[in-house]
C-alpha atoms as a PDB file:
ATOM      1  CA  MET A   1     -19.138   5.891   1.053  1.00  0.00           C
ATOM      2  CA  THR A   2     -16.794   4.815  -1.705  1.00  0.00           C
ATOM      3  CA  ILE A   3     -13.122   4.004  -1.981  1.00  0.00           C
ATOM      4  CA  SER A   4     -12.441   5.288  -5.480  1.00  0.00           C
ATOM      5  CA  GLY A   5      -9.186   4.473  -7.177  1.00  0.00           C
ATOM      6  CA  LEU A   6      -8.243   1.711  -4.733  1.00  0.00           C
ATOM      7  CA  ASP A   7      -5.405  -0.226  -6.360  1.00  0.00           C
ATOM      8  CA  LEU A   8      -4.776  -3.381  -4.345  1.00  0.00           C
ATOM      9  CA  SER A   9      -1.668  -4.262  -6.344  1.00  0.00           C
ATOM     10  CA  SER A  10      -0.006  -1.081  -5.095  1.00  0.00           C
ATOM     11  CA  LEU A  11      -0.732  -2.099  -1.500  1.00  0.00           C
ATOM     12  CA  SER A  12       0.619  -5.631  -1.739  1.00  0.00           C
ATOM     13  CA  ASP A  13       2.910  -5.804  -4.787  1.00  0.00           C
ATOM     14  CA  GLY A  14       0.598  -8.393  -6.350  1.00  0.00           C
ATOM     15  CA  VAL A  15      -2.707  -8.787  -8.141  1.00  0.00           C
ATOM     16  CA  ALA A  16      -4.285 -11.886  -6.574  1.00  0.00           C
ATOM     17  CA  VAL A  17      -4.418 -10.791  -2.951  1.00  0.00           C
ATOM     18  CA  LEU A  18      -6.920 -10.895  -0.131  1.00  0.00           C
ATOM     19  CA  TYR A  19      -8.095  -7.528   1.157  1.00  0.00           C
ATOM     20  CA  TYR A  20     -10.320  -7.051   4.174  1.00  0.00           C
ATOM     21  CA  LYS A  21     -12.108  -3.825   5.063  1.00  0.00           C
ATOM     22  CA  ASP A  22     -14.341  -3.440   8.095  1.00  0.00           C
ATOM     23  CA  ILE A  23     -17.227  -1.057   7.593  1.00  0.00           C
ATOM     24  CA  VAL A  24     -19.386   0.047  10.499  1.00  0.00           C
ATOM     25  CA  VAL A  25     -22.662   1.751   9.646  1.00  0.00           C
ATOM     26  CA  ASN A  26     -25.705   2.960  11.522  1.00  0.00           C
ATOM     27  CA  ALA A  27     -28.398   0.491  10.419  1.00  0.00           C
ATOM     28  CA  THR A  28     -31.180   3.006  11.012  1.00  0.00           C
ATOM     29  CA  LEU A  29     -29.862   5.082   8.091  1.00  0.00           C
ATOM     30  CA  PHE A  30     -30.624   2.305   5.574  1.00  0.00           C
ATOM     31  CA  THR A  31     -34.264   1.631   4.766  1.00  0.00           C
ATOM     32  CA  ASN A  32     -33.696  -0.295   1.511  1.00  0.00           C
ATOM     33  CA  GLY A  33     -30.637  -2.311   2.505  1.00  0.00           C
ATOM     34  CA  LEU A  34     -26.926  -1.882   1.894  1.00  0.00           C
ATOM     35  CA  THR A  35     -25.302  -2.531  -1.487  1.00  0.00           C
ATOM     36  CA  VAL A  36     -21.667  -3.611  -1.797  1.00  0.00           C
ATOM     37  CA  GLN A  37     -20.209  -3.404  -5.310  1.00  0.00           C
ATOM     38  CA  ILE A  38     -16.883  -4.906  -6.343  1.00  0.00           C
ATOM     39  CA  GLY A  39     -15.504  -3.785  -9.700  1.00  0.00           C
ATOM     40  CA  ASN A  40     -16.787  -1.278 -12.241  1.00  0.00           C
END
């Protein structure tokens, strides 16, 4: 699952903002772990 093109500055009218996103996954689907990537 990806959130492509997420522009946080458009959501908050600023660049340095906190953004929280809850993600619920079925752990049995991941055998090699879960990777979270921030940035390009």
